[in-house]
């Protein structure tokens, strides 16, 4: 079984350097073009299904990949971006001014820092891994089936930490570019990383 894991295309918040987790923001025109380029790269892959976050930026990216295919596209809030709590909707430059002590802790702890009012890495990890395993339960992982999951940067960080480390300890060790192709293959019960940011 092959699982294609894709971060959404460039969003308005990416361009504005605004913290957007659960905040529902649109793709830019460049983001739509990135999604179309991803779809072109994947044109020869026959997907059994496409899954995505229900947030607009991920759902629209997935819709571009699904375009012209007779494949189901399921949207779920379980694949939403991490909730950034009191930092939602604030520009990165302004977070430091508004929350200087929190920002200092964030710089010290990186993505493992739990933003007040938001999701902890532990909660995010459990949510994402639970949904990933739920998706896989619909298929024979020893078969040649392929599925596509379109989500968000922190979602993929949590998921790859699970796939590579078996726990949340590797969460800060991965970065994913907009609309690039990541793929893992399940072989004899083992997950092998085949592609990153292609």
Protein backbone atom coordinates (compact mmCIF):
# COMPACT_ATOMS: atom_id res chain seq x y z
CA UNK A 1 0.00 0.00 0.00
CA UNK A 2 1.17 3.50 -0.82
CA UNK A 3 0.06 6.59 1.08
CA UNK A 4 0.64 9.99 -0.51
CA UNK A 5 0.79 12.79 2.07
CA UNK A 6 0.55 16.35 0.86
CA UNK A 7 0.51 19.73 2.54
CA UNK A 8 -1.93 22.25 1.08
CA UNK A 9 -0.80 24.86 -1.45
CA UNK A 10 0.31 28.33 -0.45
CA UNK A 11 -2.38 30.10 1.60
CA UNK A 12 -3.14 33.75 2.19
CA UNK A 13 -1.89 33.30 5.77
CA UNK A 14 1.41 31.84 4.50
CA UNK A 15 2.00 34.97 2.44
CA UNK A 16 0.94 37.30 5.25
CA UNK A 17 3.05 35.34 7.77
CA UNK A 18 0.01 34.94 9.97
CA UNK A 19 -0.51 32.08 12.44
CA UNK A 20 -3.37 30.03 11.05
CA UNK A 21 -4.24 26.70 12.55
CA UNK A 22 -7.98 26.21 12.83
CA UNK A 23 -8.42 29.59 11.10
CA UNK A 24 -10.03 28.89 7.72
CA UNK A 25 -8.06 30.76 5.07
CA UNK A 26 -8.04 30.50 1.29
CA UNK A 27 -5.35 29.45 -1.13
CA UNK A 28 -3.57 32.16 -3.09
CA UNK A 29 -3.52 31.92 -6.88
CA UNK A 30 0.00 30.54 -6.50
CA UNK A 31 -1.43 27.98 -4.06
CA UNK A 32 -3.98 26.84 -6.64
CA UNK A 33 -1.22 26.58 -9.23
CA UNK A 34 0.88 24.52 -6.81
CA UNK A 35 -2.10 22.22 -6.27
CA UNK A 36 -2.52 21.81 -10.04
CA UNK A 37 1.19 21.00 -10.36
CA UNK A 38 0.85 18.36 -7.63
CA UNK A 39 -2.15 16.91 -9.47
CA UNK A 40 -0.09 16.72 -12.66
CA UNK A 41 2.73 14.88 -10.86
CA UNK A 42 0.18 12.40 -9.54
CA UNK A 43 -1.78 11.97 -12.77
CA UNK A 44 -0.67 8.36 -13.27
CA UNK A 45 -1.44 7.26 -9.72
CA UNK A 46 -4.78 5.49 -9.33
CA UNK A 47 -6.14 6.50 -5.94
CA UNK A 48 -8.71 4.39 -4.14
CA UNK A 49 -9.71 7.53 -2.23
CA UNK A 50 -8.59 11.04 -1.34
CA UNK A 51 -8.87 12.34 2.22
CA UNK A 52 -8.35 15.88 3.43
CA UNK A 53 -8.80 18.33 6.24
CA UNK A 54 -12.12 20.13 5.97
CA UNK A 55 -10.38 23.52 6.08
CA UNK A 56 -10.59 25.36 2.77
CA UNK A 57 -6.87 25.44 1.93
CA UNK A 58 -6.50 21.68 2.24
CA UNK A 59 -9.90 20.77 0.78
CA UNK A 60 -9.29 22.96 -2.29
CA UNK A 61 -5.84 21.41 -2.81
CA UNK A 62 -7.37 17.94 -2.60
CA UNK A 63 -10.15 18.96 -5.00
CA UNK A 64 -7.53 19.90 -7.61
CA UNK A 65 -5.91 16.47 -7.22
CA UNK A 66 -9.32 14.79 -7.45
CA UNK A 67 -10.36 16.78 -10.54
CA UNK A 68 -11.02 14.54 -13.54
CA UNK A 69 -10.86 11.37 -11.45
CA UNK A 70 -13.70 9.07 -10.45
CA UNK A 71 -12.54 8.97 -6.84
CA UNK A 72 -14.17 9.88 -3.56
CA UNK A 73 -12.89 12.90 -1.62
CA UNK A 74 -13.65 12.76 2.10
CA UNK A 75 -13.15 15.82 4.31
CA UNK A 76 -12.67 15.57 8.06
CA UNK A 77 -11.93 17.97 10.90
CA UNK A 78 -9.67 15.28 12.37
CA UNK A 79 -7.03 16.26 9.80
CA UNK A 80 -7.24 19.98 10.61
CA UNK A 81 -4.14 22.01 11.39
CA UNK A 82 -3.02 22.33 15.00
CA UNK A 83 -5.06 24.84 17.00
CA UNK A 84 -2.70 27.69 17.88
CA UNK A 85 -4.95 29.11 20.58
CA UNK A 86 -4.39 32.75 21.50
CA UNK A 87 -1.96 33.18 18.60
CA UNK A 88 -4.52 32.39 15.89
CA UNK A 89 -4.79 35.10 13.25
CA UNK A 90 -1.81 37.11 14.52
CA UNK A 91 1.20 37.93 12.35
CA UNK A 92 4.42 36.27 13.51
CA UNK A 93 6.12 39.65 14.00
CA UNK A 94 3.28 40.79 16.26
CA UNK A 95 3.24 37.66 18.43
CA UNK A 96 6.65 38.59 19.82
CA UNK A 97 5.37 42.07 20.75
CA UNK A 98 2.06 40.91 22.23
CA UNK A 99 3.34 37.82 24.06
CA UNK A 100 7.07 38.39 24.72
CA UNK A 101 7.47 35.74 27.45
CA UNK A 102 5.50 33.13 25.51
CA UNK A 103 7.47 33.92 22.38
CA UNK A 104 10.72 33.44 24.27
CA UNK A 105 9.54 30.02 25.47
CA UNK A 106 8.45 29.17 21.93
CA UNK A 107 11.93 29.99 20.59
CA UNK A 108 13.50 27.84 23.30
CA UNK A 109 11.19 24.84 22.85
CA UNK A 110 10.34 25.20 19.18
CA UNK A 111 7.27 23.44 17.88
CA UNK A 112 7.06 21.41 21.09
CA UNK A 113 5.91 24.54 22.93
CA UNK A 114 2.24 24.35 23.93
CA UNK A 115 0.64 27.66 23.00
CA UNK A 116 -1.87 28.88 25.63
CA UNK A 117 -5.41 27.99 24.67
CA UNK A 118 -4.25 25.79 21.80
CA UNK A 119 -3.59 22.12 21.20
CA UNK A 120 -0.63 20.44 22.82
CA UNK A 121 1.67 18.38 20.60
CA UNK A 122 0.49 15.32 22.50
CA UNK A 123 -3.17 16.00 21.72
CA UNK A 124 -2.43 16.80 18.08
CA UNK A 125 -0.36 13.63 17.77
CA UNK A 126 -3.15 11.46 19.17
CA UNK A 127 -5.77 13.06 16.94
CA UNK A 128 -3.74 12.71 13.75
CA UNK A 129 -2.43 9.20 14.37
CA UNK A 130 -5.92 8.01 15.32
CA UNK A 131 -7.36 9.30 12.03
CA UNK A 132 -4.46 7.88 10.00
CA UNK A 133 -4.98 4.44 11.50
CA UNK A 134 -8.73 4.80 10.92
CA UNK A 135 -8.11 5.51 7.22
CA UNK A 136 -5.75 2.56 6.86
CA UNK A 137 -8.27 0.22 8.50
CA UNK A 138 -10.39 0.51 5.34
CA UNK A 139 -7.74 -1.20 3.21
CA UNK A 140 -5.60 -4.29 2.88
CA UNK A 141 -2.20 -2.74 3.55
CA UNK A 142 -0.50 -5.68 1.79
CA UNK A 143 -2.24 -4.78 -1.47
CA UNK A 144 -1.23 -2.38 -4.26
CA UNK A 145 -3.81 0.21 -3.26
CA UNK A 146 -2.89 3.91 -3.10
CA UNK A 147 -4.59 6.66 -1.11
CA UNK A 148 -3.93 10.38 -0.84
CA UNK A 149 -4.12 12.50 2.32
CA UNK A 150 -4.02 16.30 2.03
CA UNK A 151 -3.53 18.18 5.27
CA UNK A 152 -1.30 20.75 6.98
CA UNK A 153 2.30 21.24 8.05
CA UNK A 154 1.92 20.34 11.73
CA UNK A 155 -0.38 17.43 10.89
CA UNK A 156 2.31 15.94 8.65
CA UNK A 157 4.99 16.64 11.26
CA UNK A 158 3.02 14.65 13.82
CA UNK A 159 2.29 11.88 11.34
CA UNK A 160 5.87 11.47 10.16
CA UNK A 161 7.05 11.47 13.77
CA UNK A 162 4.73 8.51 14.28
CA UNK A 163 5.81 6.75 11.08
CA UNK A 164 9.56 7.20 11.63
CA UNK A 165 9.96 7.34 15.43
CA UNK A 166 6.84 5.52 16.62
CA UNK A 167 6.08 8.38 19.02
CA UNK A 168 5.82 12.19 19.12
CA UNK A 169 9.52 12.76 19.86
CA UNK A 170 10.40 13.47 16.22
CA UNK A 171 7.71 16.10 15.76
CA UNK A 172 10.10 19.03 15.33
CA UNK A 173 12.40 17.16 12.96
CA UNK A 174 10.28 17.45 9.81
CA UNK A 175 9.29 20.33 7.53
CA UNK A 176 6.93 20.12 4.59
CA UNK A 177 6.74 22.48 1.63
CA UNK A 178 3.45 23.60 0.12
CA UNK A 179 1.88 21.06 -2.24
CA UNK A 180 4.98 18.87 -2.52
CA UNK A 181 4.69 15.10 -2.76
CA UNK A 182 5.51 12.90 0.23
CA UNK A 183 4.92 9.17 -0.01
CA UNK A 184 5.29 6.18 2.26
CA UNK A 185 4.89 2.54 1.34
CA UNK A 186 3.73 -0.19 3.68
CA UNK A 187 5.65 -3.38 3.00
CA UNK A 188 5.31 -6.58 5.04
CA UNK A 189 3.99 -4.59 7.96
CA UNK A 190 6.76 -1.96 7.83
CA UNK A 191 6.37 1.64 6.71
CA UNK A 192 9.11 2.85 4.37
CA UNK A 193 9.53 6.54 3.52
CA UNK A 194 9.91 6.74 -0.26
CA UNK A 195 9.54 10.45 -1.04
CA UNK A 196 9.87 13.74 0.83
CA UNK A 197 9.07 17.20 -0.58
CA UNK A 198 9.31 16.03 -4.19
